[in-house]
PDB file of N, CA and C in Angstrom:
ATOM      1  N   UNK A   1     114.367 133.397  92.596  1.00  0.00           N
ATOM      2  CA  UNK A   1     115.750 133.354  92.440  1.00  0.00           C
ATOM      3  C   UNK A   1     116.430 134.720  92.593  1.00  0.00           C
ATOM      4  N   UNK A   2     115.754 135.661  93.121  1.00  0.00           N
ATOM      5  CA  UNK A   2     116.354 136.969  93.334  1.00  0.00           C
ATOM      6  C   UNK A   2     117.448 136.864  94.320  1.00  0.00           C
ATOM      7  N   UNK A   3     118.504 137.670  94.090  1.00  0.00           N
ATOM      8  CA  UNK A   3     119.616 137.748  95.005  1.00  0.00           C
ATOM      9  C   UNK A   3     119.762 139.202  95.547  1.00  0.00           C
ATOM     10  N   UNK A   4     120.164 139.368  96.792  1.00  0.00           N
ATOM     11  CA  UNK A   4     120.422 140.711  97.316  1.00  0.00           C
ATOM     12  C   UNK A   4     121.638 141.240  96.509  1.00  0.00           C
ATOM     13  N   UNK A   5     121.597 142.564  96.329  1.00  0.00           N
ATOM     14  CA  UNK A   5     122.679 143.263  95.577  1.00  0.00           C
ATOM     15  C   UNK A   5     123.942 143.368  96.457  1.00  0.00           C
ATOM     16  N   UNK A   6     123.784 143.577  97.753  1.00  0.00           N
ATOM     17  CA  UNK A   6     124.986 143.816  98.596  1.00  0.00           C
ATOM     18  C   UNK A   6     124.558 143.616 100.102  1.00  0.00           C
ATOM     19  N   UNK A   7     125.607 143.725 100.926  1.00  0.00           N
ATOM     20  CA  UNK A   7     125.322 143.591 102.405  1.00  0.00           C
ATOM     21  C   UNK A   7     124.381 144.656 102.887  1.00  0.00           C
ATOM     22  N   UNK A   8     124.464 145.906 102.268  1.00  0.00           N
ATOM     23  CA  UNK A   8     123.655 146.970 102.665  1.00  0.00           C
ATOM     24  C   UNK A   8     122.109 146.619 102.472  1.00  0.00           C
ATOM     25  N   UNK A   9     121.807 145.939 101.363  1.00  0.00           N
ATOM     26  CA  UNK A   9     120.423 145.597 101.187  1.00  0.00           C
ATOM     27  C   UNK A   9     119.997 144.501 102.341  1.00  0.00           C
ATOM     28  N   UNK A  10     120.884 143.585 102.617  1.00  0.00           N
ATOM     29  CA  UNK A  10     120.571 142.607 103.682  1.00  0.00           C
ATOM     30  C   UNK A  10     120.368 143.368 105.001  1.00  0.00           C
ATOM     31  N   UNK A  11     121.277 144.327 105.314  1.00  0.00           N
ATOM     32  CA  UNK A  11     121.169 145.056 106.552  1.00  0.00           C
ATOM     33  C   UNK A  11     119.802 145.811 106.570  1.00  0.00           C
ATOM     34  N   UNK A  12     119.350 146.360 105.497  1.00  0.00           N
ATOM     35  CA  UNK A  12     118.137 147.125 105.466  1.00  0.00           C
ATOM     36  C   UNK A  12     116.951 146.131 105.763  1.00  0.00           C
ATOM     37  N   UNK A  13     117.000 144.979 105.144  1.00  0.00           N
ATOM     38  CA  UNK A  13     115.900 143.987 105.454  1.00  0.00           C
ATOM     39  C   UNK A  13     115.904 143.646 106.958  1.00  0.00           C
ATOM     40  N   UNK A  14     117.045 143.315 107.422  1.00  0.00           N
ATOM     41  CA  UNK A  14     117.140 142.980 108.872  1.00  0.00           C
ATOM     42  C   UNK A  14     116.690 144.151 109.770  1.00  0.00           C
ATOM     43  N   UNK A  15     117.168 145.305 109.488  1.00  0.00           N
ATOM     44  CA  UNK A  15     116.737 146.448 110.326  1.00  0.00           C
ATOM     45  C   UNK A  15     115.252 146.684 110.332  1.00  0.00           C
ATOM     46  N   UNK A  16     114.600 146.483 109.119  1.00  0.00           N
ATOM     47  CA  UNK A  16     113.162 146.553 109.014  1.00  0.00           C
ATOM     48  C   UNK A  16     112.451 145.514 109.943  1.00  0.00           C
ATOM     49  N   UNK A  17     112.990 144.303 109.885  1.00  0.00           N
ATOM     50  CA  UNK A  17     112.488 143.264 110.734  1.00  0.00           C
ATOM     51  C   UNK A  17     112.647 143.579 112.248  1.00  0.00           C
ATOM     52  N   UNK A  18     113.821 144.142 112.579  1.00  0.00           N
ATOM     53  CA  UNK A  18     114.098 144.552 113.947  1.00  0.00           C
ATOM     54  C   UNK A  18     113.217 145.611 114.441  1.00  0.00           C
ATOM     55  N   UNK A  19     112.985 146.613 113.545  1.00  0.00           N
ATOM     56  CA  UNK A  19     112.179 147.780 113.903  1.00  0.00           C
ATOM     57  C   UNK A  19     110.765 147.311 114.251  1.00  0.00           C
ATOM     58  N   UNK A  20     110.218 146.326 113.559  1.00  0.00           N
ATOM     59  CA  UNK A  20     108.890 145.776 113.829  1.00  0.00           C
ATOM     60  C   UNK A  20     108.847 145.214 115.254  1.00  0.00           C
ATOM     61  N   UNK A  21     109.997 144.714 115.685  1.00  0.00           N
ATOM     62  CA  UNK A  21     110.066 144.008 116.992  1.00  0.00           C
ATOM     63  C   UNK A  21     110.614 144.924 118.066  1.00  0.00           C
ATOM     64  N   UNK A  22     110.768 146.237 117.803  1.00  0.00           N
ATOM     65  CA  UNK A  22     111.225 147.254 118.757  1.00  0.00           C
ATOM     66  C   UNK A  22     112.527 146.812 119.382  1.00  0.00           C
ATOM     67  N   UNK A  23     113.533 146.451 118.561  1.00  0.00           N
ATOM     68  CA  UNK A  23     114.818 146.112 119.015  1.00  0.00           C
ATOM     69  C   UNK A  23     115.784 147.253 118.877  1.00  0.00           C
ATOM     70  N   UNK A  24     116.534 147.573 119.989  1.00  0.00           N
ATOM     71  CA  UNK A  24     117.369 148.795 119.978  1.00  0.00           C
ATOM     72  C   UNK A  24     118.548 148.624 119.001  1.00  0.00           C
ATOM     73  N   UNK A  25     118.786 149.792 118.313  1.00  0.00           N
ATOM     74  CA  UNK A  25     119.988 149.929 117.470  1.00  0.00           C
ATOM     75  C   UNK A  25     120.970 150.793 118.268  1.00  0.00           C
ATOM     76  N   UNK A  26     122.113 150.230 118.485  1.00  0.00           N
ATOM     77  CA  UNK A  26     123.209 150.938 119.224  1.00  0.00           C
ATOM     78  C   UNK A  26     124.090 151.727 118.284  1.00  0.00           C
ATOM     79  N   UNK A  27     124.405 152.893 118.669  1.00  0.00           N
ATOM     80  CA  UNK A  27     125.257 153.794 117.884  1.00  0.00           C
ATOM     81  C   UNK A  27     126.637 153.225 117.784  1.00  0.00           C
ATOM     82  N   UNK A  28     127.340 153.489 116.601  1.00  0.00           N
ATOM     83  CA  UNK A  28     128.640 152.879 116.419  1.00  0.00           C
ATOM     84  C   UNK A  28     129.677 153.226 117.461  1.00  0.00           C
ATOM     85  N   UNK A  29     129.629 154.458 117.975  1.00  0.00           N
ATOM     86  CA  UNK A  29     130.641 154.950 118.960  1.00  0.00           C
ATOM     87  C   UNK A  29     130.375 154.458 120.363  1.00  0.00           C
ATOM     88  N   UNK A  30     129.274 153.722 120.591  1.00  0.00           N
ATOM     89  CA  UNK A  30     128.930 153.307 121.973  1.00  0.00           C
ATOM     90  C   UNK A  30     129.553 151.925 122.298  1.00  0.00           C
ATOM     91  N   UNK A  31     130.185 151.221 121.349  1.00  0.00           N
ATOM     92  CA  UNK A  31     130.690 149.922 121.628  1.00  0.00           C
ATOM     93  C   UNK A  31     132.144 149.908 121.279  1.00  0.00           C
ATOM     94  N   UNK A  32     132.970 149.215 122.112  1.00  0.00           N
ATOM     95  CA  UNK A  32     134.347 149.049 121.802  1.00  0.00           C
ATOM     96  C   UNK A  32     134.616 147.512 121.643  1.00  0.00           C
ATOM     97  N   UNK A  33     135.025 147.186 120.451  1.00  0.00           N
ATOM     98  CA  UNK A  33     135.320 145.753 120.142  1.00  0.00           C
ATOM     99  C   UNK A  33     136.772 145.366 120.623  1.00  0.00           C
ATOM    100  N   UNK A  34     136.903 144.342 121.393  1.00  0.00           N
ATOM    101  CA  UNK A  34     138.238 143.968 121.792  1.00  0.00           C
ATOM    102  C   UNK A  34     138.722 142.739 121.082  1.00  0.00           C
ATOM    103  N   UNK A  35     138.955 141.618 121.763  1.00  0.00           N
ATOM    104  CA  UNK A  35     139.530 140.401 121.100  1.00  0.00           C
ATOM    105  C   UNK A  35     138.420 139.385 120.652  1.00  0.00           C
ATOM    106  N   UNK A  36     138.844 138.563 119.709  1.00  0.00           N
ATOM    107  CA  UNK A  36     137.997 137.546 119.231  1.00  0.00           C
ATOM    108  C   UNK A  36     137.935 136.406 120.227  1.00  0.00           C
ATOM    109  N   UNK A  37     136.756 135.817 120.492  1.00  0.00           N
ATOM    110  CA  UNK A  37     136.709 134.768 121.545  1.00  0.00           C
ATOM    111  C   UNK A  37     136.062 133.471 120.991  1.00  0.00           C
ATOM    112  N   UNK A  38     135.578 133.417 119.790  1.00  0.00           N
ATOM    113  CA  UNK A  38     135.046 132.203 119.186  1.00  0.00           C
ATOM    114  C   UNK A  38     134.208 132.437 118.009  1.00  0.00           C
ATOM    115  N   UNK A  39     133.559 131.340 117.599  1.00  0.00           N
ATOM    116  CA  UNK A  39     132.659 131.402 116.438  1.00  0.00           C
ATOM    117  C   UNK A  39     131.347 130.946 116.931  1.00  0.00           C
ATOM    118  N   UNK A  40     130.239 131.641 116.453  1.00  0.00           N
ATOM    119  CA  UNK A  40     128.831 131.236 116.804  1.00  0.00           C
ATOM    120  C   UNK A  40     128.073 130.856 115.557  1.00  0.00           C
ATOM    121  N   UNK A  41     126.836 130.724 115.728  1.00  0.00           N
ATOM    122  CA  UNK A  41     125.976 130.148 114.699  1.00  0.00           C
ATOM    123  C   UNK A  41     125.950 131.128 113.546  1.00  0.00           C
ATOM    124  N   UNK A  42     126.062 132.412 113.789  1.00  0.00           N
ATOM    125  CA  UNK A  42     125.949 133.439 112.732  1.00  0.00           C
ATOM    126  C   UNK A  42     127.284 133.989 112.220  1.00  0.00           C
ATOM    127  N   UNK A  43     128.389 133.776 113.002  1.00  0.00           N
ATOM    128  CA  UNK A  43     129.638 134.322 112.604  1.00  0.00           C
ATOM    129  C   UNK A  43     130.599 134.416 113.900  1.00  0.00           C
ATOM    130  N   UNK A  44     131.607 135.270 113.752  1.00  0.00           N
ATOM    131  CA  UNK A  44     132.562 135.514 114.798  1.00  0.00           C
ATOM    132  C   UNK A  44     132.005 136.132 116.017  1.00  0.00           C
ATOM    133  N   UNK A  45     132.603 135.829 117.187  1.00  0.00           N
ATOM    134  CA  UNK A  45     132.155 136.358 118.452  1.00  0.00           C
ATOM    135  C   UNK A  45     133.359 137.091 119.104  1.00  0.00           C
ATOM    136  N   UNK A  46     133.160 138.290 119.539  1.00  0.00           N
ATOM    137  CA  UNK A  46     134.217 139.108 120.146  1.00  0.00           C
ATOM    138  C   UNK A  46     133.800 139.525 121.540  1.00  0.00           C
ATOM    139  N   UNK A  47     134.851 139.832 122.384  1.00  0.00           N
ATOM    140  CA  UNK A  47     134.573 140.413 123.632  1.00  0.00           C
ATOM    141  C   UNK A  47     134.676 141.961 123.448  1.00  0.00           C
ATOM    142  N   UNK A  48     133.862 142.732 124.186  1.00  0.00           N
ATOM    143  CA  UNK A  48     133.895 144.195 124.109  1.00  0.00           C
ATOM    144  C   UNK A  48     133.330 144.922 125.237  1.00  0.00           C
ATOM    145  N   UNK A  49     133.209 146.161 125.131  1.00  0.00           N
ATOM    146  CA  UNK A  49     132.598 146.964 126.153  1.00  0.00           C
ATOM    147  C   UNK A  49     131.454 147.773 125.610  1.00  0.00           C
ATOM    148  N   UNK A  50     130.394 147.906 126.362  1.00  0.00           N
ATOM    149  CA  UNK A  50     129.250 148.779 126.097  1.00  0.00           C
ATOM    150  C   UNK A  50     128.676 149.345 127.333  1.00  0.00           C
ATOM    151  N   UNK A  51     128.773 150.694 127.468  1.00  0.00           N
ATOM    152  CA  UNK A  51     128.221 151.432 128.645  1.00  0.00           C
ATOM    153  C   UNK A  51     128.730 150.788 129.957  1.00  0.00           C
ATOM    154  N   UNK A  52     130.035 150.653 130.057  1.00  0.00           N
ATOM    155  CA  UNK A  52     130.616 150.073 131.316  1.00  0.00           C
ATOM    156  C   UNK A  52     130.236 148.591 131.500  1.00  0.00           C
ATOM    157  N   UNK A  53     129.736 147.977 130.546  1.00  0.00           N
ATOM    158  CA  UNK A  53     129.458 146.552 130.635  1.00  0.00           C
ATOM    159  C   UNK A  53     130.382 145.727 129.709  1.00  0.00           C
ATOM    160  N   UNK A  54     130.828 144.599 130.196  1.00  0.00           N
ATOM    161  CA  UNK A  54     131.578 143.641 129.335  1.00  0.00           C
ATOM    162  C   UNK A  54     130.551 142.951 128.463  1.00  0.00           C
ATOM    163  N   UNK A  55     130.748 142.835 127.207  1.00  0.00           N
ATOM    164  CA  UNK A  55     129.736 142.277 126.351  1.00  0.00           C
ATOM    165  C   UNK A  55     130.369 141.292 125.364  1.00  0.00           C
ATOM    166  N   UNK A  56     129.521 140.411 124.882  1.00  0.00           N
ATOM    167  CA  UNK A  56     129.904 139.478 123.722  1.00  0.00           C
ATOM    168  C   UNK A  56     129.254 140.103 122.537  1.00  0.00           C
ATOM    169  N   UNK A  57     130.080 140.224 121.482  1.00  0.00           N
ATOM    170  CA  UNK A  57     129.654 140.791 120.178  1.00  0.00           C
ATOM    171  C   UNK A  57     129.545 139.718 119.161  1.00  0.00           C
ATOM    172  N   UNK A  58     128.347 139.384 118.693  1.00  0.00           N
ATOM    173  CA  UNK A  58     128.166 138.425 117.603  1.00  0.00           C
ATOM    174  C   UNK A  58     128.110 139.094 116.281  1.00  0.00           C
ATOM    175  N   UNK A  59     129.181 138.919 115.466  1.00  0.00           N
ATOM    176  CA  UNK A  59     129.196 139.560 114.152  1.00  0.00           C
ATOM    177  C   UNK A  59     128.299 138.602 113.214  1.00  0.00           C
ATOM    178  N   UNK A  60     127.404 139.238 112.523  1.00  0.00           N
ATOM    179  CA  UNK A  60     126.569 138.526 111.653  1.00  0.00           C
ATOM    180  C   UNK A  60     127.184 138.316 110.311  1.00  0.00           C
ATOM    181  N   UNK A  61     127.533 137.110 109.948  1.00  0.00           N
ATOM    182  CA  UNK A  61     128.125 136.828 108.628  1.00  0.00           C
ATOM    183  C   UNK A  61     127.050 136.122 107.789  1.00  0.00           C
ATOM    184  N   UNK A  62     126.431 136.803 106.948  1.00  0.00           N
ATOM    185  CA  UNK A  62     125.409 136.248 106.110  1.00  0.00           C
ATOM    186  C   UNK A  62     125.877 136.487 104.665  1.00  0.00           C
ATOM    187  N   UNK A  63     125.777 135.359 103.906  1.00  0.00           N
ATOM    188  CA  UNK A  63     126.214 135.521 102.498  1.00  0.00           C
ATOM    189  C   UNK A  63     125.134 136.169 101.770  1.00  0.00           C
ATOM    190  N   UNK A  64     125.385 137.379 101.338  1.00  0.00           N
ATOM    191  CA  UNK A  64     124.293 138.179 100.657  1.00  0.00           C
ATOM    192  C   UNK A  64     124.146 137.728  99.158  1.00  0.00           C
ATOM    193  N   UNK A  65     124.901 136.764  98.797  1.00  0.00           N
ATOM    194  CA  UNK A  65     124.770 136.264  97.394  1.00  0.00           C
ATOM    195  C   UNK A  65     123.631 135.133  97.483  1.00  0.00           C
ATOM    196  N   UNK A  66     123.249 134.739  98.667  1.00  0.00           N
ATOM    197  CA  UNK A  66     122.181 133.740  98.777  1.00  0.00           C
ATOM    198  C   UNK A  66     120.923 134.219  98.184  1.00  0.00           C
ATOM    199  N   UNK A  67     120.050 133.232  97.726  1.00  0.00           N
ATOM    200  CA  UNK A  67     118.735 133.611  97.206  1.00  0.00           C
ATOM    201  C   UNK A  67     117.852 134.191  98.289  1.00  0.00           C
ATOM    202  N   UNK A  68     116.834 135.076  97.888  1.00  0.00           N
ATOM    203  CA  UNK A  68     115.964 135.600  98.884  1.00  0.00           C
ATOM    204  C   UNK A  68     115.329 134.474  99.711  1.00  0.00           C
ATOM    205  N   UNK A  69     115.020 133.351  99.124  1.00  0.00           N
ATOM    206  CA  UNK A  69     114.395 132.256  99.806  1.00  0.00           C
ATOM    207  C   UNK A  69     115.253 131.694 100.895  1.00  0.00           C
ATOM    208  N   UNK A  70     116.551 131.984 100.922  1.00  0.00           N
ATOM    209  CA  UNK A  70     117.480 131.561 101.930  1.00  0.00           C
ATOM    210  C   UNK A  70     117.777 132.665 102.950  1.00  0.00           C
ATOM    211  N   UNK A  71     117.711 133.908 102.446  1.00  0.00           N
ATOM    212  CA  UNK A  71     118.015 135.072 103.290  1.00  0.00           C
ATOM    213  C   UNK A  71     116.936 135.333 104.265  1.00  0.00           C
ATOM    214  N   UNK A  72     115.699 135.333 103.814  1.00  0.00           N
ATOM    215  CA  UNK A  72     114.578 135.697 104.707  1.00  0.00           C
ATOM    216  C   UNK A  72     114.440 134.705 105.954  1.00  0.00           C
ATOM    217  N   UNK A  73     114.647 133.391 105.765  1.00  0.00           N
ATOM    218  CA  UNK A  73     114.643 132.475 106.948  1.00  0.00           C
ATOM    219  C   UNK A  73     115.774 132.844 107.915  1.00  0.00           C
ATOM    220  N   UNK A  74     116.948 133.246 107.371  1.00  0.00           N
ATOM    221  CA  UNK A  74     117.993 133.631 108.222  1.00  0.00           C
ATOM    222  C   UNK A  74     117.701 134.897 109.049  1.00  0.00           C
ATOM    223  N   UNK A  75     117.047 135.824 108.400  1.00  0.00           N
ATOM    224  CA  UNK A  75     116.678 137.081 109.138  1.00  0.00           C
ATOM    225  C   UNK A  75     115.606 136.687 110.246  1.00  0.00           C
ATOM    226  N   UNK A  76     114.651 135.778 109.863  1.00  0.00           N
ATOM    227  CA  UNK A  76     113.663 135.372 110.818  1.00  0.00           C
ATOM    228  C   UNK A  76     114.340 134.630 111.973  1.00  0.00           C
ATOM    229  N   UNK A  77     115.337 133.875 111.710  1.00  0.00           N
ATOM    230  CA  UNK A  77     116.071 133.156 112.723  1.00  0.00           C
ATOM    231  C   UNK A  77     116.768 134.037 113.712  1.00  0.00           C
ATOM    232  N   UNK A  78     117.434 135.086 113.187  1.00  0.00           N
ATOM    233  CA  UNK A  78     118.064 136.082 114.014  1.00  0.00           C
ATOM    234  C   UNK A  78     117.021 136.804 114.905  1.00  0.00           C
ATOM    235  N   UNK A  79     115.937 137.280 114.327  1.00  0.00           N
ATOM    236  CA  UNK A  79     114.888 137.985 115.052  1.00  0.00           C
ATOM    237  C   UNK A  79     114.291 137.086 116.031  1.00  0.00           C
ATOM    238  N   UNK A  80     114.041 135.855 115.756  1.00  0.00           N
ATOM    239  CA  UNK A  80     113.425 134.877 116.742  1.00  0.00           C
ATOM    240  C   UNK A  80     114.376 134.647 117.952  1.00  0.00           C
ATOM    241  N   UNK A  81     115.724 134.528 117.650  1.00  0.00           N
ATOM    242  CA  UNK A  81     116.703 134.337 118.723  1.00  0.00           C
ATOM    243  C   UNK A  81     116.654 135.537 119.650  1.00  0.00           C
ATOM    244  N   UNK A  82     116.592 136.729 119.083  1.00  0.00           N
ATOM    245  CA  UNK A  82     116.514 137.958 119.878  1.00  0.00           C
ATOM    246  C   UNK A  82     115.268 138.056 120.701  1.00  0.00           C
ATOM    247  N   UNK A  83     114.134 137.678 120.108  1.00  0.00           N
ATOM    248  CA  UNK A  83     112.867 137.735 120.837  1.00  0.00           C
ATOM    249  C   UNK A  83     112.860 136.767 122.007  1.00  0.00           C
ATOM    250  N   UNK A  84     113.375 135.564 121.776  1.00  0.00           N
ATOM    251  CA  UNK A  84     113.422 134.558 122.782  1.00  0.00           C
ATOM    252  C   UNK A  84     114.272 135.003 124.021  1.00  0.00           C
ATOM    253  N   UNK A  85     115.389 135.579 123.664  1.00  0.00           N
ATOM    254  CA  UNK A  85     116.370 136.013 124.623  1.00  0.00           C
ATOM    255  C   UNK A  85     115.762 137.184 125.500  1.00  0.00           C
ATOM    256  N   UNK A  86     115.057 138.071 124.826  1.00  0.00           N
ATOM    257  CA  UNK A  86     114.371 139.144 125.485  1.00  0.00           C
ATOM    258  C   UNK A  86     113.322 138.732 126.426  1.00  0.00           C
ATOM    259  N   UNK A  87     112.657 137.603 126.086  1.00  0.00           N
ATOM    260  CA  UNK A  87     111.583 137.083 126.912  1.00  0.00           C
ATOM    261  C   UNK A  87     112.153 136.304 128.107  1.00  0.00           C
ATOM    262  N   UNK A  88     113.183 135.502 127.834  1.00  0.00           N
ATOM    263  CA  UNK A  88     113.708 134.579 128.881  1.00  0.00           C
ATOM    264  C   UNK A  88     114.564 135.418 129.901  1.00  0.00           C
ATOM    265  N   UNK A  89     113.980 135.639 131.000  1.00  0.00           N
ATOM    266  CA  UNK A  89     114.659 136.396 132.089  1.00  0.00           C
ATOM    267  C   UNK A  89     115.191 135.298 132.986  1.00  0.00           C
ATOM    268  N   UNK A  90     116.474 134.955 132.917  1.00  0.00           N
ATOM    269  CA  UNK A  90     117.120 133.934 133.721  1.00  0.00           C
ATOM    270  C   UNK A  90     118.536 134.185 133.920  1.00  0.00           C
ATOM    271  N   UNK A  91     119.161 133.936 135.057  1.00  0.00           N
ATOM    272  CA  UNK A  91     120.636 134.244 135.259  1.00  0.00           C
ATOM    273  C   UNK A  91     121.530 133.602 134.245  1.00  0.00           C
ATOM    274  N   UNK A  92     121.117 132.436 133.675  1.00  0.00           N
ATOM    275  CA  UNK A  92     121.900 131.761 132.758  1.00  0.00           C
ATOM    276  C   UNK A  92     121.684 132.191 131.296  1.00  0.00           C
ATOM    277  N   UNK A  93     120.836 133.103 131.071  1.00  0.00           N
ATOM    278  CA  UNK A  93     120.552 133.658 129.719  1.00  0.00           C
ATOM    279  C   UNK A  93     121.118 135.053 129.603  1.00  0.00           C
ATOM    280  N   UNK A  94     122.080 135.289 128.777  1.00  0.00           N
ATOM    281  CA  UNK A  94     122.590 136.661 128.751  1.00  0.00           C
ATOM    282  C   UNK A  94     121.633 137.736 128.287  1.00  0.00           C
ATOM    283  N   UNK A  95     121.828 138.893 128.854  1.00  0.00           N
ATOM    284  CA  UNK A  95     121.040 140.026 128.532  1.00  0.00           C
ATOM    285  C   UNK A  95     121.341 140.496 127.128  1.00  0.00           C
ATOM    286  N   UNK A  96     120.317 140.797 126.285  1.00  0.00           N
ATOM    287  CA  UNK A  96     120.496 141.304 124.930  1.00  0.00           C
ATOM    288  C   UNK A  96     120.325 142.783 124.989  1.00  0.00           C
ATOM    289  N   UNK A  97     121.436 143.472 124.533  1.00  0.00           N
ATOM    290  CA  UNK A  97     121.470 144.924 124.579  1.00  0.00           C
ATOM    291  C   UNK A  97     120.938 145.555 123.310  1.00  0.00           C
ATOM    292  N   UNK A  98     121.236 144.938 122.217  1.00  0.00           N
ATOM    293  CA  UNK A  98     120.736 145.576 120.896  1.00  0.00           C
ATOM    294  C   UNK A  98     121.641 145.130 119.740  1.00  0.00           C
ATOM    295  N   UNK A  99     121.325 145.791 118.618  1.00  0.00           N
ATOM    296  CA  UNK A  99     122.101 145.588 117.402  1.00  0.00           C
ATOM    297  C   UNK A  99     123.015 146.802 117.193  1.00  0.00           C
ATOM    298  N   UNK A 100     124.233 146.469 116.809  1.00  0.00           N
ATOM    299  CA  UNK A 100     125.272 147.447 116.626  1.00  0.00           C
ATOM    300  C   UNK A 100     125.850 147.370 115.246  1.00  0.00           C
ATOM    301  N   UNK A 101     125.806 148.448 114.557  1.00  0.00           N
ATOM    302  CA  UNK A 101     126.397 148.493 113.226  1.00  0.00           C
ATOM    303  C   UNK A 101     127.894 149.000 113.265  1.00  0.00           C
ATOM    304  N   UNK A 102     128.741 148.153 112.739  1.00  0.00           N
ATOM    305  CA  UNK A 102     130.141 148.535 112.647  1.00  0.00           C
ATOM    306  C   UNK A 102     130.579 148.358 111.222  1.00  0.00           C
ATOM    307  N   UNK A 103     130.852 149.507 110.609  1.00  0.00           N
ATOM    308  CA  UNK A 103     131.159 149.510 109.146  1.00  0.00           C
ATOM    309  C   UNK A 103     130.016 148.979 108.448  1.00  0.00           C
ATOM    310  N   UNK A 104     130.129 147.925 107.646  1.00  0.00           N
ATOM    311  CA  UNK A 104     128.999 147.420 106.878  1.00  0.00           C
ATOM    312  C   UNK A 104     128.359 146.182 107.535  1.00  0.00           C
ATOM    313  N   UNK A 105     128.815 145.826 108.706  1.00  0.00           N
ATOM    314  CA  UNK A 105     128.393 144.638 109.402  1.00  0.00           C
ATOM    315  C   UNK A 105     127.374 144.966 110.590  1.00  0.00           C
ATOM    316  N   UNK A 106     126.403 144.093 110.739  1.00  0.00           N
ATOM    317  CA  UNK A 106     125.575 144.183 111.974  1.00  0.00           C
ATOM    318  C   UNK A 106     126.041 143.194 112.942  1.00  0.00           C
ATOM    319  N   UNK A 107     125.966 143.520 114.233  1.00  0.00           N
ATOM    320  CA  UNK A 107     126.409 142.725 115.269  1.00  0.00           C
ATOM    321  C   UNK A 107     125.339 142.681 116.386  1.00  0.00           C
ATOM    322  N   UNK A 108     125.195 141.531 116.974  1.00  0.00           N
ATOM    323  CA  UNK A 108     124.305 141.405 118.160  1.00  0.00           C
ATOM    324  C   UNK A 108     125.085 141.620 119.394  1.00  0.00           C
ATOM    325  N   UNK A 109     124.609 142.458 120.263  1.00  0.00           N
ATOM    326  CA  UNK A 109     125.410 142.815 121.547  1.00  0.00           C
ATOM    327  C   UNK A 109     124.667 142.161 122.745  1.00  0.00           C
ATOM    328  N   UNK A 110     125.388 141.226 123.370  1.00  0.00           N
ATOM    329  CA  UNK A 110     124.915 140.446 124.584  1.00  0.00           C
ATOM    330  C   UNK A 110     125.787 140.723 125.759  1.00  0.00           C
ATOM    331  N   UNK A 111     125.178 140.519 126.915  1.00  0.00           N
ATOM    332  CA  UNK A 111     126.007 140.459 128.107  1.00  0.00           C
ATOM    333  C   UNK A 111     127.004 139.339 127.969  1.00  0.00           C
ATOM    334  N   UNK A 112     128.194 139.627 128.460  1.00  0.00           N
ATOM    335  CA  UNK A 112     129.310 138.639 128.436  1.00  0.00           C
ATOM    336  C   UNK A 112     129.203 137.754 129.637  1.00  0.00           C
ATOM    337  N   UNK A 113     129.157 136.431 129.482  1.00  0.00           N
ATOM    338  CA  UNK A 113     129.141 135.535 130.545  1.00  0.00           C
ATOM    339  C   UNK A 113     130.403 134.683 130.443  1.00  0.00           C
ATOM    340  N   UNK A 114     131.256 134.766 131.437  1.00  0.00           N
ATOM    341  CA  UNK A 114     132.561 134.007 131.421  1.00  0.00           C
ATOM    342  C   UNK A 114     132.237 132.564 131.802  1.00  0.00           C
ATOM    343  N   UNK A 115     133.015 131.687 131.144  1.00  0.00           N
ATOM    344  CA  UNK A 115     132.794 130.316 131.470  1.00  0.00           C
ATOM    345  C   UNK A 115     132.757 129.451 130.150  1.00  0.00           C
ATOM    346  N   UNK A 116     132.432 128.268 130.323  1.00  0.00           N
ATOM    347  CA  UNK A 116     132.392 127.308 129.162  1.00  0.00           C
ATOM    348  C   UNK A 116     131.287 127.768 128.160  1.00  0.00           C
ATOM    349  N   UNK A 117     131.537 127.470 126.889  1.00  0.00           N
ATOM    350  CA  UNK A 117     130.574 127.779 125.800  1.00  0.00           C
ATOM    351  C   UNK A 117     129.547 126.643 125.813  1.00  0.00           C
ATOM    352  N   UNK A 118     128.375 126.948 125.290  1.00  0.00           N
ATOM    353  CA  UNK A 118     127.323 125.966 125.161  1.00  0.00           C
ATOM    354  C   UNK A 118     127.762 124.673 124.423  1.00  0.00           C
ATOM    355  N   UNK A 119     128.581 124.923 123.344  1.00  0.00           N
ATOM    356  CA  UNK A 119     128.922 123.695 122.615  1.00  0.00           C
ATOM    357  C   UNK A 119     129.841 122.763 123.358  1.00  0.00           C
ATOM    358  N   UNK A 120     130.386 123.297 124.504  1.00  0.00           N
ATOM    359  CA  UNK A 120     131.242 122.412 125.325  1.00  0.00           C
ATOM    360  C   UNK A 120     130.455 121.335 126.044  1.00  0.00           C
ATOM    361  N   UNK A 121     129.151 121.597 126.179  1.00  0.00           N
ATOM    362  CA  UNK A 121     128.256 120.682 126.846  1.00  0.00           C
ATOM    363  C   UNK A 121     127.585 119.652 125.810  1.00  0.00           C
ATOM    364  N   UNK A 122     127.735 119.843 124.534  1.00  0.00           N
ATOM    365  CA  UNK A 122     127.100 118.996 123.594  1.00  0.00           C
ATOM    366  C   UNK A 122     127.472 117.498 123.841  1.00  0.00           C
ATOM    367  N   UNK A 123     128.757 117.174 124.028  1.00  0.00           N
ATOM    368  CA  UNK A 123     128.988 115.681 124.226  1.00  0.00           C
ATOM    369  C   UNK A 123     128.312 115.128 125.493  1.00  0.00           C
ATOM    370  N   UNK A 124     128.203 115.977 126.516  1.00  0.00           N
ATOM    371  CA  UNK A 124     127.559 115.450 127.785  1.00  0.00           C
ATOM    372  C   UNK A 124     126.111 115.204 127.594  1.00  0.00           C
ATOM    373  N   UNK A 125     125.418 115.823 126.651  1.00  0.00           N
ATOM    374  CA  UNK A 125     123.980 115.608 126.405  1.00  0.00           C
ATOM    375  C   UNK A 125     123.716 114.760 125.161  1.00  0.00           C
ATOM    376  N   UNK A 126     124.812 114.216 124.540  1.00  0.00           N
ATOM    377  CA  UNK A 126     124.668 113.426 123.381  1.00  0.00           C
ATOM    378  C   UNK A 126     124.302 114.137 122.087  1.00  0.00           C
ATOM    379  N   UNK A 127     124.625 115.361 121.984  1.00  0.00           N
ATOM    380  CA  UNK A 127     124.339 116.176 120.788  1.00  0.00           C
ATOM    381  C   UNK A 127     125.569 116.349 119.950  1.00  0.00           C
ATOM    382  N   UNK A 128     125.364 116.039 118.656  1.00  0.00           N
ATOM    383  CA  UNK A 128     126.510 116.258 117.719  1.00  0.00           C
ATOM    384  C   UNK A 128     126.232 117.359 116.779  1.00  0.00           C
ATOM    385  N   UNK A 129     127.168 118.282 116.568  1.00  0.00           N
ATOM    386  CA  UNK A 129     126.965 119.481 115.717  1.00  0.00           C
ATOM    387  C   UNK A 129     126.671 119.019 114.265  1.00  0.00           C
TER     388      UNK A 129
END
């Protein structure tokens, strides 16, 4: 029934998990966040720039008041998504650049792919959210 004290404690747990998986941490001044473009599984998604690349920035919104038993699976889910994307080398899978800390939030930085969102295809394949 333990609860994290704050977002900083969550970030520390996530960064430890990421370090074990050799995932790049991007410096705060290397990314420029532009406009909001949607909502993803973990939070808001923004368009931005990183090293002359247009990127999608997934802001991680995790409720740090959740119990540890709920937080750890979320961290594992984030790390698993990153690991799968790093392994999957395909033109339709965005490149994962790394984790970017902005203020107290952690963000996933991906290649920006213009076009319809995955959820736009759900009705075509019979999937309901």
